[in-house]
Amino acid sequence: MCHRQVQCARHQCGHDEPITDGKVDCGSAHCRYSAAHPRNCAGCPSTCQQW
């Protein structure tokens, strides 16, 4: 399943602050958020992974 990858900077107080993020594509035709997912997927809500 596709997911976000977030890189954080840790401050001296221990607080983490997001500095960059990006999508990691799983390459699956059964993941709604993948570039490999067909645009005309008829059964998407019942057959494909979604967040």
PDB file of N, CA and C in Angstrom:
ATOM      1  N   MET A   1       0.838  -1.171   0.000  1.00  0.00           N
ATOM      2  CA  MET A   1       0.000   0.000   0.000  1.00  0.00           C
ATOM      3  C   MET A   1       0.889   1.243   0.000  1.00  0.00           C
ATOM      4  N   CYS A   2       0.484   2.237  -0.749  1.00  0.00           N
ATOM      5  CA  CYS A   2       1.227   3.496  -0.784  1.00  0.00           C
ATOM      6  C   CYS A   2       1.222   4.136   0.604  1.00  0.00           C
ATOM      7  N   HIS A   3       2.250   4.883   0.882  1.00  0.00           N
ATOM      8  CA  HIS A   3       2.312   5.574   2.169  1.00  0.00           C
ATOM      9  C   HIS A   3       3.159   6.830   2.050  1.00  0.00           C
ATOM     10  N   ARG A   4       3.067   7.676   3.051  1.00  0.00           N
ATOM     11  CA  ARG A   4       3.881   8.891   3.111  1.00  0.00           C
ATOM     12  C   ARG A   4       5.136   8.608   3.910  1.00  0.00           C
ATOM     13  N   GLN A   5       6.225   9.200   3.470  1.00  0.00           N
ATOM     14  CA  GLN A   5       7.476   9.122   4.224  1.00  0.00           C
ATOM     15  C   GLN A   5       7.814  10.543   4.663  1.00  0.00           C
ATOM     16  N   VAL A   6       7.916  10.748   5.963  1.00  0.00           N
ATOM     17  CA  VAL A   6       8.154  12.079   6.520  1.00  0.00           C
ATOM     18  C   VAL A   6       9.506  12.089   7.223  1.00  0.00           C
ATOM     19  N   GLN A   7      10.342  13.058   6.877  1.00  0.00           N
ATOM     20  CA  GLN A   7      11.616  13.241   7.570  1.00  0.00           C
ATOM     21  C   GLN A   7      11.446  14.390   8.551  1.00  0.00           C
ATOM     22  N   CYS A   8      11.961  14.179   9.749  1.00  0.00           N
ATOM     23  CA  CYS A   8      11.803  15.174  10.807  1.00  0.00           C
ATOM     24  C   CYS A   8      13.160  15.623  11.339  1.00  0.00           C
ATOM     25  N   ALA A   9      13.169  16.830  11.860  1.00  0.00           N
ATOM     26  CA  ALA A   9      14.333  17.355  12.575  1.00  0.00           C
ATOM     27  C   ALA A   9      14.004  17.294  14.060  1.00  0.00           C
ATOM     28  N   ARG A  10      14.922  16.776  14.852  1.00  0.00           N
ATOM     29  CA  ARG A  10      14.704  16.682  16.295  1.00  0.00           C
ATOM     30  C   ARG A  10      15.412  17.845  16.975  1.00  0.00           C
ATOM     31  N   HIS A  11      14.650  18.607  17.741  1.00  0.00           N
ATOM     32  CA  HIS A  11      15.191  19.740  18.486  1.00  0.00           C
ATOM     33  C   HIS A  11      15.782  19.256  19.811  1.00  0.00           C
ATOM     34  N   GLN A  12      16.578  20.095  20.444  1.00  0.00           N
ATOM     35  CA  GLN A  12      17.212  19.723  21.715  1.00  0.00           C
ATOM     36  C   GLN A  12      16.194  19.400  22.797  1.00  0.00           C
ATOM     37  N   CYS A  13      15.016  19.999  22.709  1.00  0.00           N
ATOM     38  CA  CYS A  13      13.979  19.736  23.710  1.00  0.00           C
ATOM     39  C   CYS A  13      13.321  18.369  23.507  1.00  0.00           C
ATOM     40  N   GLY A  14      13.634  17.692  22.379  1.00  0.00           N
ATOM     41  CA  GLY A  14      13.042  16.393  22.089  1.00  0.00           C
ATOM     42  C   GLY A  14      11.872  16.460  21.127  1.00  0.00           C
ATOM     43  N   HIS A  15      11.455  17.662  20.777  1.00  0.00           N
ATOM     44  CA  HIS A  15      10.337  17.858  19.859  1.00  0.00           C
ATOM     45  C   HIS A  15      10.783  17.553  18.430  1.00  0.00           C
ATOM     46  N   ASP A  16       9.978  16.786  17.686  1.00  0.00           N
ATOM     47  CA  ASP A  16      10.250  16.499  16.278  1.00  0.00           C
ATOM     48  C   ASP A  16       9.431  17.437  15.405  1.00  0.00           C
ATOM     49  N   GLU A  17      10.065  17.980  14.371  1.00  0.00           N
ATOM     50  CA  GLU A  17       9.384  18.878  13.444  1.00  0.00           C
ATOM     51  C   GLU A  17       9.546  18.340  12.021  1.00  0.00           C
ATOM     52  N   PRO A  18       8.428  18.096  11.317  1.00  0.00           N
ATOM     53  CA  PRO A  18       8.527  17.617   9.937  1.00  0.00           C
ATOM     54  C   PRO A  18       9.224  18.649   9.052  1.00  0.00           C
ATOM     55  N   ILE A  19      10.163  18.168   8.212  1.00  0.00           N
ATOM     56  CA  ILE A  19      10.851  19.091   7.307  1.00  0.00           C
ATOM     57  C   ILE A  19      10.604  18.742   5.839  1.00  0.00           C
ATOM     58  N   THR A  20      10.414  17.474   5.518  1.00  0.00           N
ATOM     59  CA  THR A  20      10.079  17.060   4.155  1.00  0.00           C
ATOM     60  C   THR A  20       9.129  15.874   4.216  1.00  0.00           C
ATOM     61  N   ASP A  21       8.346  15.702   3.163  1.00  0.00           N
ATOM     62  CA  ASP A  21       7.514  14.514   3.058  1.00  0.00           C
ATOM     63  C   ASP A  21       7.377  14.148   1.591  1.00  0.00           C
ATOM     64  N   GLY A  22       7.014  12.908   1.363  1.00  0.00           N
ATOM     65  CA  GLY A  22       6.831  12.428   0.006  1.00  0.00           C
ATOM     66  C   GLY A  22       6.029  11.145   0.004  1.00  0.00           C
ATOM     67  N   LYS A  23       5.461  10.822  -1.148  1.00  0.00           N
ATOM     68  CA  LYS A  23       4.670   9.610  -1.296  1.00  0.00           C
ATOM     69  C   LYS A  23       5.568   8.482  -1.786  1.00  0.00           C
ATOM     70  N   VAL A  24       5.420   7.316  -1.171  1.00  0.00           N
ATOM     71  CA  VAL A  24       6.115   6.118  -1.605  1.00  0.00           C
ATOM     72  C   VAL A  24       5.073   5.250  -2.305  1.00  0.00           C
ATOM     73  N   ASP A  25       5.244   5.063  -3.613  1.00  0.00           N
ATOM     74  CA  ASP A  25       4.274   4.328  -4.434  1.00  0.00           C
ATOM     75  C   ASP A  25       4.547   2.831  -4.329  1.00  0.00           C
ATOM     76  N   CYS A  26       3.515   2.055  -3.997  1.00  0.00           N
ATOM     77  CA  CYS A  26       3.673   0.608  -3.835  1.00  0.00           C
ATOM     78  C   CYS A  26       3.667  -0.129  -5.172  1.00  0.00           C
ATOM     79  N   GLY A  27       3.162   0.505  -6.220  1.00  0.00           N
ATOM     80  CA  GLY A  27       3.148  -0.113  -7.541  1.00  0.00           C
ATOM     81  C   GLY A  27       2.056  -1.150  -7.737  1.00  0.00           C
ATOM     82  N   SER A  28       1.077  -1.189  -6.847  1.00  0.00           N
ATOM     83  CA  SER A  28       0.004  -2.177  -6.940  1.00  0.00           C
ATOM     84  C   SER A  28      -1.200  -1.629  -7.701  1.00  0.00           C
ATOM     85  N   ALA A  29      -1.756  -2.448  -8.585  1.00  0.00           N
ATOM     86  CA  ALA A  29      -2.967  -2.066  -9.310  1.00  0.00           C
ATOM     87  C   ALA A  29      -4.184  -2.099  -8.392  1.00  0.00           C
ATOM     88  N   HIS A  30      -4.046  -2.689  -7.199  1.00  0.00           N
ATOM     89  CA  HIS A  30      -5.157  -2.769  -6.250  1.00  0.00           C
ATOM     90  C   HIS A  30      -5.044  -1.752  -5.120  1.00  0.00           C
ATOM     91  N   CYS A  31      -4.220  -0.752  -5.295  1.00  0.00           N
ATOM     92  CA  CYS A  31      -4.097   0.345  -4.328  1.00  0.00           C
ATOM     93  C   CYS A  31      -4.591   1.615  -5.008  1.00  0.00           C
ATOM     94  N   ARG A  32      -5.605   2.223  -4.453  1.00  0.00           N
ATOM     95  CA  ARG A  32      -6.240   3.392  -5.061  1.00  0.00           C
ATOM     96  C   ARG A  32      -5.264   4.539  -5.313  1.00  0.00           C
ATOM     97  N   TYR A  33      -4.228   4.676  -4.512  1.00  0.00           N
ATOM     98  CA  TYR A  33      -3.324   5.818  -4.586  1.00  0.00           C
ATOM     99  C   TYR A  33      -2.066   5.550  -5.416  1.00  0.00           C
ATOM    100  N   SER A  34      -1.936   4.344  -5.970  1.00  0.00           N
ATOM    101  CA  SER A  34      -0.764   3.993  -6.767  1.00  0.00           C
ATOM    102  C   SER A  34      -0.899   4.484  -8.208  1.00  0.00           C
ATOM    103  N   ALA A  35       0.227   4.804  -8.817  1.00  0.00           N
ATOM    104  CA  ALA A  35       0.234   5.184 -10.232  1.00  0.00           C
ATOM    105  C   ALA A  35      -0.166   3.998 -11.109  1.00  0.00           C
ATOM    106  N   ALA A  36      -0.043   2.764 -10.599  1.00  0.00           N
ATOM    107  CA  ALA A  36      -0.404   1.564 -11.350  1.00  0.00           C
ATOM    108  C   ALA A  36      -1.902   1.263 -11.300  1.00  0.00           C
ATOM    109  N   HIS A  37      -2.667   1.978 -10.491  1.00  0.00           N
ATOM    110  CA  HIS A  37      -4.104   1.750 -10.353  1.00  0.00           C
ATOM    111  C   HIS A  37      -4.835   2.268 -11.592  1.00  0.00           C
ATOM    112  N   PRO A  38      -5.692   1.438 -12.220  1.00  0.00           N
ATOM    113  CA  PRO A  38      -6.412   1.895 -13.411  1.00  0.00           C
ATOM    114  C   PRO A  38      -7.429   2.990 -13.077  1.00  0.00           C
ATOM    115  N   ARG A  39      -7.507   3.982 -13.935  1.00  0.00           N
ATOM    116  CA  ARG A  39      -8.437   5.098 -13.702  1.00  0.00           C
ATOM    117  C   ARG A  39      -9.897   4.660 -13.759  1.00  0.00           C
ATOM    118  N   ASN A  40     -10.212   3.648 -14.541  1.00  0.00           N
ATOM    119  CA  ASN A  40     -11.599   3.208 -14.711  1.00  0.00           C
ATOM    120  C   ASN A  40     -11.911   1.952 -13.897  1.00  0.00           C
ATOM    121  N   CYS A  41     -11.392   1.854 -12.718  1.00  0.00           N
ATOM    122  CA  CYS A  41     -11.595   0.687 -11.850  1.00  0.00           C
ATOM    123  C   CYS A  41     -13.047   0.671 -11.358  1.00  0.00           C
ATOM    124  N   ALA A  42     -13.832  -0.267 -11.867  1.00  0.00           N
ATOM    125  CA  ALA A  42     -15.270  -0.305 -11.577  1.00  0.00           C
ATOM    126  C   ALA A  42     -15.594  -0.690 -10.131  1.00  0.00           C
ATOM    127  N   GLY A  43     -14.861  -1.612  -9.549  1.00  0.00           N
ATOM    128  CA  GLY A  43     -15.178  -2.087  -8.204  1.00  0.00           C
ATOM    129  C   GLY A  43     -14.273  -1.530  -7.132  1.00  0.00           C
ATOM    130  N   CYS A  44     -13.702  -0.391  -7.373  1.00  0.00           N
ATOM    131  CA  CYS A  44     -12.677   0.172  -6.494  1.00  0.00           C
ATOM    132  C   CYS A  44     -13.037   0.164  -5.000  1.00  0.00           C
ATOM    133  N   PRO A  45     -14.193   0.665  -4.579  1.00  0.00           N
ATOM    134  CA  PRO A  45     -14.475   0.704  -3.138  1.00  0.00           C
ATOM    135  C   PRO A  45     -14.457  -0.672  -2.456  1.00  0.00           C
ATOM    136  N   SER A  46     -14.763  -1.737  -3.197  1.00  0.00           N
ATOM    137  CA  SER A  46     -14.808  -3.056  -2.568  1.00  0.00           C
ATOM    138  C   SER A  46     -13.591  -3.927  -2.878  1.00  0.00           C
ATOM    139  N   THR A  47     -12.805  -3.584  -3.902  1.00  0.00           N
ATOM    140  CA  THR A  47     -11.690  -4.447  -4.294  1.00  0.00           C
ATOM    141  C   THR A  47     -10.315  -3.841  -4.070  1.00  0.00           C
ATOM    142  N   CYS A  48     -10.220  -2.546  -3.860  1.00  0.00           N
ATOM    143  CA  CYS A  48      -8.919  -1.890  -3.769  1.00  0.00           C
ATOM    144  C   CYS A  48      -8.653  -1.339  -2.373  1.00  0.00           C
ATOM    145  N   GLN A  49      -7.365  -1.340  -1.998  1.00  0.00           N
ATOM    146  CA  GLN A  49      -6.971  -0.805  -0.697  1.00  0.00           C
ATOM    147  C   GLN A  49      -7.083   0.711  -0.709  1.00  0.00           C
ATOM    148  N   GLN A  50      -7.611   1.249   0.371  1.00  0.00           N
ATOM    149  CA  GLN A  50      -7.738   2.692   0.537  1.00  0.00           C
ATOM    150  C   GLN A  50      -7.374   3.033   1.969  1.00  0.00           C
ATOM    151  N   TRP A  51      -6.954   4.260   2.202  1.00  0.00           N
ATOM    152  CA  TRP A  51      -6.601   4.682   3.563  1.00  0.00           C
ATOM    153  C   TRP A  51      -7.792   4.688   4.446  1.00  0.00           C
TER     154      TRP A  51
END
